[in-house]
C-alpha atoms as a PDB file:
ATOM      1  CA  MET A   1     168.934 166.632 -60.402  1.00  0.00           C
ATOM      2  CA  LYS A   2     170.649 168.865 -57.863  1.00  0.00           C
ATOM      3  CA  LYS A   3     174.030 170.135 -58.962  1.00  0.00           C
ATOM      4  CA  ILE A   4     177.044 171.155 -56.838  1.00  0.00           C
ATOM      5  CA  VAL A   5     180.469 172.585 -57.669  1.00  0.00           C
ATOM      6  CA  LEU A   6     183.286 171.814 -55.241  1.00  0.00           C
ATOM      7  CA  THR A   7     186.458 173.868 -55.170  1.00  0.00           C
ATOM      8  CA  GLY A   8     189.717 174.086 -53.246  1.00  0.00           C
ATOM      9  CA  GLY A   9     193.348 173.247 -53.824  1.00  0.00           C
ATOM     10  CA  GLY A  10     197.016 173.830 -53.221  1.00  0.00           C
ATOM     11  CA  THR A  11     197.525 171.227 -50.493  1.00  0.00           C
ATOM     12  CA  ALA A  12     195.962 167.880 -49.626  1.00  0.00           C
ATOM     13  CA  GLY A  13     194.163 169.587 -46.741  1.00  0.00           C
ATOM     14  CA  HIS A  14     192.225 171.670 -49.255  1.00  0.00           C
ATOM     15  CA  VAL A  15     191.091 168.600 -51.185  1.00  0.00           C
ATOM     16  CA  THR A  16     190.590 165.535 -48.972  1.00  0.00           C
ATOM     17  CA  PRO A  17     187.653 167.047 -47.013  1.00  0.00           C
ATOM     18  CA  ASN A  18     185.886 167.612 -50.343  1.00  0.00           C
ATOM     19  CA  ILE A  19     186.579 163.979 -51.238  1.00  0.00           C
ATOM     20  CA  ALA A  20     185.050 162.953 -47.888  1.00  0.00           C
ATOM     21  CA  LEU A  21     181.744 164.547 -48.961  1.00  0.00           C
ATOM     22  CA  LEU A  22     181.537 162.726 -52.299  1.00  0.00           C
ATOM     23  CA  PRO A  23     179.874 159.443 -51.222  1.00  0.00           C
ATOM     24  CA  ARG A  24     177.056 161.200 -49.354  1.00  0.00           C
ATOM     25  CA  LEU A  25     176.506 163.745 -52.137  1.00  0.00           C
ATOM     26  CA  LYS A  26     176.209 160.896 -54.638  1.00  0.00           C
ATOM     27  CA  GLU A  27     173.732 159.087 -52.385  1.00  0.00           C
ATOM     28  CA  LEU A  28     171.576 162.222 -52.364  1.00  0.00           C
ATOM     29  CA  GLY A  29     171.622 162.401 -56.156  1.00  0.00           C
ATOM     30  CA  TYR A  30     173.882 165.408 -56.676  1.00  0.00           C
ATOM     31  CA  GLU A  31     175.624 165.926 -59.981  1.00  0.00           C
ATOM     32  CA  ILE A  32     179.144 166.880 -58.858  1.00  0.00           C
ATOM     33  CA  HIS A  33     181.745 169.045 -60.611  1.00  0.00           C
ATOM     34  CA  TYR A  34     185.102 170.365 -59.389  1.00  0.00           C
ATOM     35  CA  ILE A  35     186.990 173.585 -60.133  1.00  0.00           C
ATOM     36  CA  GLY A  36     190.700 173.677 -59.265  1.00  0.00           C
ATOM     37  CA  SER A  37     193.974 174.963 -60.646  1.00  0.00           C
ATOM     38  CA  TYR A  38     195.458 173.790 -63.944  1.00  0.00           C
ATOM     39  CA  ASP A  39     198.090 171.468 -62.485  1.00  0.00           C
ATOM     40  CA  GLY A  40     197.587 171.493 -58.711  1.00  0.00           C
ATOM     41  CA  MET A  41     197.673 168.277 -56.692  1.00  0.00           C
ATOM     42  CA  GLU A  42     193.880 168.468 -56.503  1.00  0.00           C
ATOM     43  CA  LYS A  43     193.610 167.672 -60.231  1.00  0.00           C
ATOM     44  CA  LYS A  44     194.982 164.133 -59.890  1.00  0.00           C
ATOM     45  CA  LEU A  45     193.128 163.433 -56.644  1.00  0.00           C
ATOM     46  CA  ILE A  46     189.759 164.489 -58.047  1.00  0.00           C
ATOM     47  CA  GLU A  47     190.187 162.787 -61.418  1.00  0.00           C
ATOM     48  CA  GLN A  48     190.879 159.541 -59.538  1.00  0.00           C
ATOM     49  CA  CYS A  49     187.376 159.943 -58.080  1.00  0.00           C
ATOM     50  CA  ASN A  50     185.880 160.179 -61.611  1.00  0.00           C
ATOM     51  CA  ILE A  51     184.538 163.684 -60.999  1.00  0.00           C
ATOM     52  CA  PRO A  52     184.525 166.179 -63.930  1.00  0.00           C
ATOM     53  CA  TYR A  53     187.397 168.607 -63.349  1.00  0.00           C
ATOM     54  CA  TYR A  54     187.815 172.168 -64.645  1.00  0.00           C
ATOM     55  CA  GLY A  55     191.191 173.897 -64.346  1.00  0.00           C
ATOM     56  CA  ILE A  56     191.413 177.677 -64.022  1.00  0.00           C
ATOM     57  CA  SER A  57     194.188 180.232 -63.646  1.00  0.00           C
ATOM     58  CA  SER A  58     195.276 180.690 -60.040  1.00  0.00           C
ATOM     59  CA  GLY A  59     197.552 183.212 -58.369  1.00  0.00           C
ATOM     60  CA  LYS A  60     198.746 183.359 -54.783  1.00  0.00           C
ATOM     61  CA  LEU A  61     198.113 186.501 -52.747  1.00  0.00           C
ATOM     62  CA  ARG A  62     201.032 187.022 -50.369  1.00  0.00           C
ATOM     63  CA  ARG A  63     201.385 189.097 -47.204  1.00  0.00           C
ATOM     64  CA  TYR A  64     205.103 189.621 -47.916  1.00  0.00           C
ATOM     65  CA  PHE A  65     207.087 191.184 -50.770  1.00  0.00           C
ATOM     66  CA  ASP A  66     207.562 189.002 -53.818  1.00  0.00           C
ATOM     67  CA  TRP A  67     207.882 190.025 -57.471  1.00  0.00           C
ATOM     68  CA  LYS A  68     205.063 187.604 -58.263  1.00  0.00           C
ATOM     69  CA  ASN A  69     202.734 189.901 -56.308  1.00  0.00           C
ATOM     70  CA  PHE A  70     202.719 192.104 -59.403  1.00  0.00           C
ATOM     71  CA  SER A  71     201.687 189.347 -61.819  1.00  0.00           C
ATOM     72  CA  ASP A  72     199.509 187.049 -59.714  1.00  0.00           C
ATOM     73  CA  PRO A  73     196.543 189.481 -59.418  1.00  0.00           C
ATOM     74  CA  PHE A  74     196.173 189.203 -63.199  1.00  0.00           C
ATOM     75  CA  LYS A  75     196.085 185.402 -62.845  1.00  0.00           C
ATOM     76  CA  VAL A  76     193.309 185.779 -60.281  1.00  0.00           C
ATOM     77  CA  LEU A  77     191.349 188.062 -62.619  1.00  0.00           C
ATOM     78  CA  LYS A  78     191.756 185.538 -65.420  1.00  0.00           C
ATOM     79  CA  GLY A  79     190.610 182.762 -63.088  1.00  0.00           C
ATOM     80  CA  TYR A  80     187.573 184.839 -62.124  1.00  0.00           C
ATOM     81  CA  GLY A  81     186.560 185.180 -65.778  1.00  0.00           C
ATOM     82  CA  GLN A  82     187.063 181.454 -66.338  1.00  0.00           C
ATOM     83  CA  ALA A  83     185.070 180.564 -63.201  1.00  0.00           C
ATOM     84  CA  ARG A  84     182.183 182.783 -64.335  1.00  0.00           C
ATOM     85  CA  SER A  85     182.083 181.005 -67.690  1.00  0.00           C
ATOM     86  CA  ILE A  86     182.158 177.546 -66.085  1.00  0.00           C
ATOM     87  CA  LEU A  87     179.412 178.420 -63.574  1.00  0.00           C
ATOM     88  CA  LYS A  88     177.298 179.945 -66.337  1.00  0.00           C
ATOM     89  CA  LYS A  89     177.571 176.704 -68.280  1.00  0.00           C
ATOM     90  CA  LEU A  90     177.013 174.334 -65.332  1.00  0.00           C
ATOM     91  CA  LYS A  91     174.320 176.344 -63.504  1.00  0.00           C
ATOM     92  CA  PRO A  92     174.947 174.667 -60.117  1.00  0.00           C
ATOM     93  CA  ASP A  93     172.570 175.011 -57.186  1.00  0.00           C
ATOM     94  CA  ILE A  94     175.440 175.604 -54.783  1.00  0.00           C
ATOM     95  CA  VAL A  95     179.242 175.912 -54.480  1.00  0.00           C
ATOM     96  CA  PHE A  96     181.212 174.358 -51.608  1.00  0.00           C
ATOM     97  CA  SER A  97     184.760 175.602 -51.038  1.00  0.00           C
ATOM     98  CA  LYS A  98     187.529 174.048 -48.964  1.00  0.00           C
ATOM     99  CA  GLY A  99     189.816 177.037 -49.430  1.00  0.00           C
ATOM    100  CA  GLY A 100     193.151 177.695 -51.059  1.00  0.00           C
ATOM    101  CA  PHE A 101     193.760 180.559 -53.469  1.00  0.00           C
ATOM    102  CA  VAL A 102     192.135 178.828 -56.428  1.00  0.00           C
ATOM    103  CA  SER A 103     188.821 179.013 -54.557  1.00  0.00           C
ATOM    104  CA  VAL A 104     188.751 182.823 -54.347  1.00  0.00           C
ATOM    105  CA  PRO A 105     187.792 183.552 -57.988  1.00  0.00           C
ATOM    106  CA  VAL A 106     185.241 180.717 -57.851  1.00  0.00           C
ATOM    107  CA  ILE A 107     183.476 182.160 -54.782  1.00  0.00           C
ATOM    108  CA  LEU A 108     183.533 185.678 -56.281  1.00  0.00           C
ATOM    109  CA  ALA A 109     182.089 184.353 -59.538  1.00  0.00           C
ATOM    110  CA  ALA A 110     179.375 182.430 -57.655  1.00  0.00           C
ATOM    111  CA  LYS A 111     178.365 185.639 -55.845  1.00  0.00           C
ATOM    112  CA  ARG A 112     178.159 187.472 -59.164  1.00  0.00           C
ATOM    113  CA  ARG A 113     175.907 184.756 -60.583  1.00  0.00           C
ATOM    114  CA  LYS A 114     173.773 184.661 -57.396  1.00  0.00           C
ATOM    115  CA  ILE A 115     174.796 181.073 -56.588  1.00  0.00           C
ATOM    116  CA  PRO A 116     174.981 180.397 -52.823  1.00  0.00           C
ATOM    117  CA  ALA A 117     178.379 179.309 -51.527  1.00  0.00           C
ATOM    118  CA  ILE A 118     179.469 177.555 -48.351  1.00  0.00           C
ATOM    119  CA  ILE A 119     183.094 177.842 -47.188  1.00  0.00           C
ATOM    120  CA  HIS A 120     185.031 175.571 -44.844  1.00  0.00           C
ATOM    121  CA  GLU A 121     187.884 177.031 -42.783  1.00  0.00           C
ATOM    122  CA  SER A 122     190.198 174.361 -41.368  1.00  0.00           C
ATOM    123  CA  ASP A 123     192.531 176.407 -39.185  1.00  0.00           C
ATOM    124  CA  LEU A 124     191.788 178.237 -35.979  1.00  0.00           C
ATOM    125  CA  THR A 125     192.150 181.653 -37.631  1.00  0.00           C
ATOM    126  CA  PRO A 126     191.001 182.198 -41.230  1.00  0.00           C
ATOM    127  CA  GLY A 127     193.690 182.256 -43.903  1.00  0.00           C
ATOM    128  CA  LEU A 128     193.935 185.095 -46.411  1.00  0.00           C
ATOM    129  CA  ALA A 129     192.074 183.248 -49.180  1.00  0.00           C
ATOM    130  CA  ASN A 130     189.062 182.593 -46.970  1.00  0.00           C
ATOM    131  CA  LYS A 131     189.173 186.113 -45.538  1.00  0.00           C
ATOM    132  CA  LEU A 132     188.658 187.373 -49.081  1.00  0.00           C
ATOM    133  CA  ALA A 133     185.900 184.848 -49.761  1.00  0.00           C
ATOM    134  CA  ILE A 134     183.880 185.053 -46.519  1.00  0.00           C
ATOM    135  CA  PRO A 135     181.937 188.251 -47.394  1.00  0.00           C
ATOM    136  CA  ASN A 136     180.630 186.448 -50.480  1.00  0.00           C
ATOM    137  CA  ALA A 137     179.579 183.235 -48.699  1.00  0.00           C
ATOM    138  CA  SER A 138     176.237 182.124 -47.272  1.00  0.00           C
ATOM    139  CA  LYS A 139     177.747 180.034 -44.457  1.00  0.00           C
ATOM    140  CA  VAL A 140     181.254 179.442 -43.078  1.00  0.00           C
ATOM    141  CA  CYS A 141     182.059 176.081 -41.460  1.00  0.00           C
ATOM    142  CA  CYS A 142     184.927 175.762 -38.992  1.00  0.00           C
ATOM    143  CA  ASN A 143     186.806 173.169 -36.950  1.00  0.00           C
ATOM    144  CA  PHE A 144     187.505 174.986 -33.673  1.00  0.00           C
ATOM    145  CA  PRO A 145     185.215 176.704 -31.150  1.00  0.00           C
ATOM    146  CA  GLU A 146     187.723 179.567 -30.969  1.00  0.00           C
ATOM    147  CA  THR A 147     187.282 180.273 -34.703  1.00  0.00           C
ATOM    148  CA  LEU A 148     183.684 181.438 -34.214  1.00  0.00           C
ATOM    149  CA  GLN A 149     184.903 184.792 -32.833  1.00  0.00           C
ATOM    150  CA  TYR A 150     186.651 185.562 -36.144  1.00  0.00           C
ATOM    151  CA  LEU A 151     183.573 184.887 -38.306  1.00  0.00           C
ATOM    152  CA  PRO A 152     180.301 186.735 -38.927  1.00  0.00           C
ATOM    153  CA  LYS A 153     177.810 185.447 -36.341  1.00  0.00           C
ATOM    154  CA  ASP A 154     175.052 184.905 -38.882  1.00  0.00           C
ATOM    155  CA  LYS A 155     177.328 182.756 -41.081  1.00  0.00           C
ATOM    156  CA  ALA A 156     179.496 180.765 -38.673  1.00  0.00           C
ATOM    157  CA  VAL A 157     178.800 177.062 -38.014  1.00  0.00           C
ATOM    158  CA  LEU A 158     181.017 174.767 -35.914  1.00  0.00           C
ATOM    159  CA  THR A 159     181.142 171.523 -37.902  1.00  0.00           C
ATOM    160  CA  GLY A 160     184.591 169.986 -37.557  1.00  0.00           C
ATOM    161  CA  SER A 161     186.318 168.653 -40.646  1.00  0.00           C
ATOM    162  CA  PRO A 162     184.692 166.030 -42.894  1.00  0.00           C
ATOM    163  CA  ILE A 163     186.551 162.736 -42.547  1.00  0.00           C
ATOM    164  CA  ARG A 164     186.829 160.138 -45.297  1.00  0.00           C
ATOM    165  CA  LYS A 165     184.527 157.298 -44.318  1.00  0.00           C
ATOM    166  CA  GLU A 166     187.075 154.633 -45.234  1.00  0.00           C
ATOM    167  CA  LEU A 167     189.437 155.854 -42.490  1.00  0.00           C
ATOM    168  CA  LEU A 168     186.895 154.615 -39.947  1.00  0.00           C
ATOM    169  CA  SER A 169     186.947 151.064 -41.309  1.00  0.00           C
ATOM    170  CA  GLY A 170     190.613 150.089 -40.932  1.00  0.00           C
ATOM    171  CA  ASN A 171     191.719 146.566 -40.046  1.00  0.00           C
ATOM    172  CA  ARG A 172     194.436 146.044 -37.422  1.00  0.00           C
ATOM    173  CA  ASP A 173     195.440 142.632 -38.805  1.00  0.00           C
ATOM    174  CA  ARG A 174     195.999 144.141 -42.255  1.00  0.00           C
ATOM    175  CA  GLY A 175     198.063 146.866 -40.608  1.00  0.00           C
ATOM    176  CA  LEU A 176     200.222 144.246 -38.875  1.00  0.00           C
ATOM    177  CA  SER A 177     200.749 142.521 -42.226  1.00  0.00           C
ATOM    178  CA  ILE A 178     201.673 145.761 -44.032  1.00  0.00           C
ATOM    179  CA  CYS A 179     204.316 146.585 -41.400  1.00  0.00           C
ATOM    180  CA  GLY A 180     205.489 143.056 -40.660  1.00  0.00           C
ATOM    181  CA  PHE A 181     204.790 143.602 -36.960  1.00  0.00           C
ATOM    182  CA  GLN A 182     204.008 141.064 -34.256  1.00  0.00           C
ATOM    183  CA  ASP A 183     200.675 141.138 -32.447  1.00  0.00           C
ATOM    184  CA  GLY A 184     200.564 141.978 -28.759  1.00  0.00           C
ATOM    185  CA  LYS A 185     203.152 144.775 -28.746  1.00  0.00           C
ATOM    186  CA  PRO A 186     201.866 148.417 -28.827  1.00  0.00           C
ATOM    187  CA  VAL A 187     202.405 150.553 -31.915  1.00  0.00           C
ATOM    188  CA  ILE A 188     203.342 154.225 -32.247  1.00  0.00           C
ATOM    189  CA  MET A 189     202.467 155.876 -35.563  1.00  0.00           C
ATOM    190  CA  VAL A 190     204.601 158.866 -36.574  1.00  0.00           C
ATOM    191  CA  ILE A 191     203.248 161.294 -39.202  1.00  0.00           C
ATOM    192  CA  GLY A 192     205.535 164.026 -40.487  1.00  0.00           C
ATOM    193  CA  GLY A 193     203.058 165.557 -42.945  1.00  0.00           C
ATOM    194  CA  SER A 194     202.861 165.112 -46.731  1.00  0.00           C
ATOM    195  CA  SER A 195     206.382 166.535 -47.212  1.00  0.00           C
ATOM    196  CA  GLY A 196     207.859 165.011 -44.066  1.00  0.00           C
ATOM    197  CA  ALA A 197     209.402 166.850 -41.134  1.00  0.00           C
ATOM    198  CA  ARG A 198     213.151 166.546 -40.707  1.00  0.00           C
ATOM    199  CA  CYS A 199     213.201 167.396 -36.999  1.00  0.00           C
ATOM    200  CA  ILE A 200     210.532 164.778 -36.200  1.00  0.00           C
ATOM    201  CA  ASN A 201     212.151 162.147 -38.406  1.00  0.00           C
ATOM    202  CA  GLU A 202     215.586 162.661 -36.866  1.00  0.00           C
ATOM    203  CA  THR A 203     214.326 162.672 -33.277  1.00  0.00           C
ATOM    204  CA  VAL A 204     212.244 159.517 -33.691  1.00  0.00           C
ATOM    205  CA  ARG A 205     215.086 157.660 -35.395  1.00  0.00           C
ATOM    206  CA  SER A 206     217.596 158.649 -32.726  1.00  0.00           C
ATOM    207  CA  LEU A 207     215.169 157.317 -30.088  1.00  0.00           C
ATOM    208  CA  LEU A 208     214.584 153.985 -31.844  1.00  0.00           C
ATOM    209  CA  PRO A 209     216.932 151.894 -29.635  1.00  0.00           C
ATOM    210  CA  ASP A 210     214.924 152.902 -26.554  1.00  0.00           C
ATOM    211  CA  LEU A 211     211.451 153.007 -28.124  1.00  0.00           C
ATOM    212  CA  LEU A 212     211.715 149.585 -29.755  1.00  0.00           C
ATOM    213  CA  LYS A 213     212.165 147.963 -26.345  1.00  0.00           C
ATOM    214  CA  THR A 214     208.499 148.747 -25.632  1.00  0.00           C
ATOM    215  CA  TYR A 215     206.880 149.728 -28.932  1.00  0.00           C
ATOM    216  CA  GLN A 216     206.781 149.012 -32.626  1.00  0.00           C
ATOM    217  CA  ILE A 217     207.023 152.128 -34.819  1.00  0.00           C
ATOM    218  CA  VAL A 218     205.312 152.825 -38.151  1.00  0.00           C
ATOM    219  CA  HIS A 219     206.844 156.002 -39.572  1.00  0.00           C
ATOM    220  CA  LEU A 220     205.336 158.064 -42.409  1.00  0.00           C
ATOM    221  CA  CYS A 221     208.441 160.117 -43.106  1.00  0.00           C
ATOM    222  CA  GLY A 222     207.587 161.995 -46.334  1.00  0.00           C
ATOM    223  CA  LYS A 223     208.789 161.705 -49.900  1.00  0.00           C
ATOM    224  CA  GLY A 224     212.536 161.183 -50.230  1.00  0.00           C
ATOM    225  CA  ASN A 225     213.040 160.753 -46.478  1.00  0.00           C
ATOM    226  CA  LEU A 226     213.497 156.987 -46.145  1.00  0.00           C
ATOM    227  CA  ASP A 227     216.594 155.909 -44.207  1.00  0.00           C
ATOM    228  CA  ARG A 228     217.995 152.880 -46.035  1.00  0.00           C
ATOM    229  CA  THR A 229     220.238 151.962 -43.104  1.00  0.00           C
ATOM    230  CA  LEU A 230     217.121 151.176 -41.028  1.00  0.00           C
ATOM    231  CA  GLU A 231     215.330 149.020 -43.624  1.00  0.00           C
ATOM    232  CA  HIS A 232     215.750 145.734 -41.740  1.00  0.00           C
ATOM    233  CA  THR A 233     215.247 147.068 -38.222  1.00  0.00           C
ATOM    234  CA  LYS A 234     212.832 144.745 -36.432  1.00  0.00           C
ATOM    235  CA  GLY A 235     209.713 146.520 -35.215  1.00  0.00           C
ATOM    236  CA  TYR A 236     210.303 149.609 -37.373  1.00  0.00           C
ATOM    237  CA  ALA A 237     208.434 150.208 -40.652  1.00  0.00           C
ATOM    238  CA  GLN A 238     208.989 153.374 -42.678  1.00  0.00           C
ATOM    239  CA  LEU A 239     206.882 154.597 -45.602  1.00  0.00           C
ATOM    240  CA  GLU A 240     207.160 157.809 -47.595  1.00  0.00           C
ATOM    241  CA  TYR A 241     203.383 158.216 -47.438  1.00  0.00           C
ATOM    242  CA  ALA A 242     200.258 156.088 -47.120  1.00  0.00           C
ATOM    243  CA  ASN A 243     197.170 156.102 -49.315  1.00  0.00           C
ATOM    244  CA  LYS A 244     194.758 153.175 -49.256  1.00  0.00           C
ATOM    245  CA  GLU A 245     196.708 151.506 -46.477  1.00  0.00           C
ATOM    246  CA  LEU A 246     196.344 154.550 -44.195  1.00  0.00           C
ATOM    247  CA  ARG A 247     193.105 153.305 -42.616  1.00  0.00           C
ATOM    248  CA  ASP A 248     194.777 150.025 -41.616  1.00  0.00           C
ATOM    249  CA  LEU A 249     197.799 151.829 -40.172  1.00  0.00           C
ATOM    250  CA  PHE A 250     195.475 154.022 -38.099  1.00  0.00           C
ATOM    251  CA  ALA A 251     193.666 150.905 -36.870  1.00  0.00           C
ATOM    252  CA  LEU A 252     197.046 149.505 -35.843  1.00  0.00           C
ATOM    253  CA  ALA A 253     198.214 152.605 -33.962  1.00  0.00           C
ATOM    254  CA  ASP A 254     197.900 152.866 -30.184  1.00  0.00           C
ATOM    255  CA  LEU A 255     199.591 156.288 -29.989  1.00  0.00           C
ATOM    256  CA  VAL A 256     200.264 158.877 -32.722  1.00  0.00           C
ATOM    257  CA  VAL A 257     202.985 161.521 -33.068  1.00  0.00           C
ATOM    258  CA  SER A 258     201.995 164.056 -35.721  1.00  0.00           C
ATOM    259  CA  ARG A 259     202.287 167.509 -37.199  1.00  0.00           C
ATOM    260  CA  ALA A 260     199.242 169.685 -36.407  1.00  0.00           C
ATOM    261  CA  GLY A 261     197.661 170.301 -39.797  1.00  0.00           C
ATOM    262  CA  ALA A 262     193.948 170.898 -39.213  1.00  0.00           C
ATOM    263  CA  ASN A 263     192.607 167.978 -41.219  1.00  0.00           C
ATOM    264  CA  ALA A 264     195.175 165.546 -39.853  1.00  0.00           C
ATOM    265  CA  ILE A 265     194.307 166.328 -36.249  1.00  0.00           C
ATOM    266  CA  CYS A 266     190.575 166.160 -36.960  1.00  0.00           C
ATOM    267  CA  GLU A 267     191.162 162.644 -38.280  1.00  0.00           C
ATOM    268  CA  LEU A 268     192.907 161.765 -35.023  1.00  0.00           C
ATOM    269  CA  LEU A 269     189.930 163.187 -33.128  1.00  0.00           C
ATOM    270  CA  ALA A 270     187.412 161.183 -35.160  1.00  0.00           C
ATOM    271  CA  LEU A 271     189.461 158.014 -34.663  1.00  0.00           C
ATOM    272  CA  ARG A 272     190.017 158.822 -30.955  1.00  0.00           C
ATOM    273  CA  LYS A 273     193.745 158.232 -31.164  1.00  0.00           C
ATOM    274  CA  PRO A 274     195.796 159.532 -28.211  1.00  0.00           C
ATOM    275  CA  ASN A 275     198.331 161.843 -29.800  1.00  0.00           C
ATOM    276  CA  ILE A 276     201.350 164.095 -29.425  1.00  0.00           C
ATOM    277  CA  LEU A 277     201.297 167.126 -31.724  1.00  0.00           C
ATOM    278  CA  ILE A 278     204.469 168.861 -32.907  1.00  0.00           C
ATOM    279  CA  PRO A 279     203.202 171.922 -34.817  1.00  0.00           C
ATOM    280  CA  LEU A 280     205.140 173.588 -37.597  1.00  0.00           C
ATOM    281  CA  SER A 281     207.284 176.430 -36.250  1.00  0.00           C
ATOM    282  CA  ARG A 282     206.167 180.036 -36.728  1.00  0.00           C
ATOM    283  CA  LYS A 283     209.425 180.513 -38.648  1.00  0.00           C
ATOM    284  CA  ALA A 284     208.100 178.213 -41.375  1.00  0.00           C
ATOM    285  CA  GLY A 285     204.449 179.306 -41.486  1.00  0.00           C
ATOM    286  CA  ARG A 286     201.882 181.778 -40.196  1.00  0.00           C
ATOM    287  CA  GLY A 287     201.537 179.920 -36.890  1.00  0.00           C
ATOM    288  CA  ASP A 288     198.223 178.228 -37.683  1.00  0.00           C
ATOM    289  CA  GLN A 289     199.464 174.775 -36.668  1.00  0.00           C
ATOM    290  CA  ILE A 290     200.514 176.123 -33.267  1.00  0.00           C
ATOM    291  CA  LEU A 291     197.047 177.597 -32.704  1.00  0.00           C
ATOM    292  CA  ASN A 292     195.412 174.343 -33.878  1.00  0.00           C
ATOM    293  CA  ALA A 293     197.533 172.306 -31.467  1.00  0.00           C
ATOM    294  CA  GLU A 294     196.913 174.668 -28.544  1.00  0.00           C
ATOM    295  CA  SER A 295     193.155 174.370 -29.071  1.00  0.00           C
ATOM    296  CA  PHE A 296     193.315 170.568 -29.044  1.00  0.00           C
ATOM    297  CA  GLU A 297     195.470 170.690 -25.915  1.00  0.00           C
ATOM    298  CA  ARG A 298     192.957 172.966 -24.139  1.00  0.00           C
ATOM    299  CA  GLN A 299     190.132 170.586 -25.033  1.00  0.00           C
ATOM    300  CA  GLY A 300     192.081 167.646 -23.618  1.00  0.00           C
ATOM    301  CA  TYR A 301     192.578 165.872 -26.963  1.00  0.00           C
ATOM    302  CA  SER A 302     196.369 166.187 -27.360  1.00  0.00           C
ATOM    303  CA  LEU A 303     199.772 166.642 -25.782  1.00  0.00           C
ATOM    304  CA  VAL A 304     201.817 169.359 -27.513  1.00  0.00           C
ATOM    305  CA  ILE A 305     205.572 169.832 -27.973  1.00  0.00           C
ATOM    306  CA  GLU A 306     206.582 173.008 -29.802  1.00  0.00           C
ATOM    307  CA  GLU A 307     209.178 172.330 -32.484  1.00  0.00           C
ATOM    308  CA  GLU A 308     211.775 174.501 -30.726  1.00  0.00           C
ATOM    309  CA  ASN A 309     211.422 172.305 -27.625  1.00  0.00           C
ATOM    310  CA  LEU A 310     211.581 168.966 -29.428  1.00  0.00           C
ATOM    311  CA  SER A 311     214.379 166.703 -28.215  1.00  0.00           C
ATOM    312  CA  ASN A 312     214.931 163.068 -27.372  1.00  0.00           C
ATOM    313  CA  ALA A 313     214.110 163.829 -23.750  1.00  0.00           C
ATOM    314  CA  THR A 314     210.911 165.836 -24.355  1.00  0.00           C
ATOM    315  CA  LEU A 315     209.516 163.318 -26.852  1.00  0.00           C
ATOM    316  CA  ALA A 316     210.340 160.316 -24.641  1.00  0.00           C
ATOM    317  CA  GLU A 317     208.700 162.003 -21.640  1.00  0.00           C
ATOM    318  CA  ALA A 318     205.591 162.919 -23.678  1.00  0.00           C
ATOM    319  CA  ILE A 319     205.219 159.310 -24.869  1.00  0.00           C
ATOM    320  CA  ARG A 320     205.477 158.041 -21.276  1.00  0.00           C
ATOM    321  CA  ARG A 321     202.859 160.532 -20.106  1.00  0.00           C
ATOM    322  CA  LEU A 322     200.498 159.821 -23.007  1.00  0.00           C
ATOM    323  CA  GLU A 323     200.718 156.076 -22.410  1.00  0.00           C
ATOM    324  CA  LYS A 324     199.945 156.571 -18.727  1.00  0.00           C
ATOM    325  CA  GLU A 325     196.982 158.913 -19.365  1.00  0.00           C
ATOM    326  CA  ARG A 326     195.664 157.474 -22.658  1.00  0.00           C
ATOM    327  CA  GLY A 327     192.249 156.696 -21.154  1.00  0.00           C
ATOM    328  CA  THR A 328     191.758 160.336 -20.162  1.00  0.00           C
ATOM    329  CA  TYR A 329     192.509 161.540 -23.704  1.00  0.00           C
ATOM    330  CA  ILE A 330     190.226 158.955 -25.312  1.00  0.00           C
ATOM    331  CA  HIS A 331     187.395 159.945 -22.951  1.00  0.00           C
ATOM    332  CA  ALA A 332     187.806 163.654 -23.812  1.00  0.00           C
ATOM    333  CA  MET A 333     187.759 162.930 -27.549  1.00  0.00           C
ATOM    334  CA  SER A 334     184.682 160.698 -27.205  1.00  0.00           C
ATOM    335  CA  LYS A 335     182.722 163.676 -25.826  1.00  0.00           C
ATOM    336  CA  SER A 336     183.455 165.870 -28.850  1.00  0.00           C
ATOM    337  CA  GLN A 337     180.433 167.068 -30.806  1.00  0.00           C
ATOM    338  CA  GLN A 338     182.452 167.220 -34.023  1.00  0.00           C
ATOM    339  CA  LEU A 339     182.569 163.523 -34.899  1.00  0.00           C
ATOM    340  CA  ASN A 340     179.789 163.565 -37.498  1.00  0.00           C
ATOM    341  CA  SER A 341     181.058 166.437 -39.620  1.00  0.00           C
ATOM    342  CA  VAL A 342     180.053 164.981 -42.990  1.00  0.00           C
ATOM    343  CA  GLU A 343     176.370 164.813 -42.037  1.00  0.00           C
ATOM    344  CA  THR A 344     176.448 168.274 -40.452  1.00  0.00           C
ATOM    345  CA  ILE A 345     177.934 169.836 -43.597  1.00  0.00           C
ATOM    346  CA  ILE A 346     175.670 167.868 -45.927  1.00  0.00           C
ATOM    347  CA  GLN A 347     172.640 169.113 -43.995  1.00  0.00           C
ATOM    348  CA  LEU A 348     173.914 172.701 -44.385  1.00  0.00           C
ATOM    349  CA  ILE A 349     174.252 172.143 -48.129  1.00  0.00           C
ATOM    350  CA  GLU A 350     170.753 170.636 -48.362  1.00  0.00           C
ATOM    351  CA  ASP A 351     169.174 173.460 -46.340  1.00  0.00           C
ATOM    352  CA  THR A 352     170.941 176.133 -48.408  1.00  0.00           C
ATOM    353  CA  VAL A 353     169.836 174.545 -51.693  1.00  0.00           C
ATOM    354  CA  LYS A 354     166.198 174.404 -50.477  1.00  0.00           C
ATOM    355  CA  GLN A 355     166.287 178.056 -49.453  1.00  0.00           C
END
């Protein structure tokens, strides 16, 4: 039996693509194991999939001053020792990493034990964790054509992001039932990210009187961000987050307003949903969402509003434009070569194991 170790954690974006690979890996007869942090969100997500999980010590490597910079390297060293022990015991044929700082000691340990490793980089420019891991990898998968210039030519492969198969099998009627919406009236889906986005939430809610004249709105507003005063607003459904029902909400959506996390926008691409992206401001991150959004805009997949320019007027105008030109965006997305990412990555894994 072939054996694979998956790794990655810290955010949902470092876990869900690994989960997307599970069904196909099982079909091919792989014995699957997962290495993550002790108590990261990946632990619960992977255990729900009935995959053996191994927690290791994990430290974050920061580009800015923080007192934890003095202690976290020791956590990484401890995690490296733990990863070596786990890999020695499991003897996998290959390691696949979705990134995050917990993956760094695992990739280093795999290199030491001469186990080939494949890395997936979601964002347009590699993050620090993957920058540290890339020299020790056999191949590096990426989502954006622009990313290829930042990767070693002999390792880089444009694959897109693996999408959970169930997202492609949503049911519009179930979505209508979940939201309590009427059929025949278009639906806008608003996604603020796993933690919500205050500026998006506030702008959408202030526009509701105008938007609800034409659309119904399903709003994923993030944990703790429900507005109780809007609970009985006809045509407006708000949820903190969506899990199993997400596929049906996607099937229901005619237009999507979203943050620009790499995996989220790759899901929109796979589902061919006309979308408006509002990337996280550079003040709150390293600017990767802005680069992701700009790439999708250049390829004709998305309209983009930078957070600093978000207002009632700019969002209303973008929705009008997207509705008018939705066919153009759908056509551009349908020509993408990145819609079968699971099979592309699985083939890379299979080829690497054979070699």
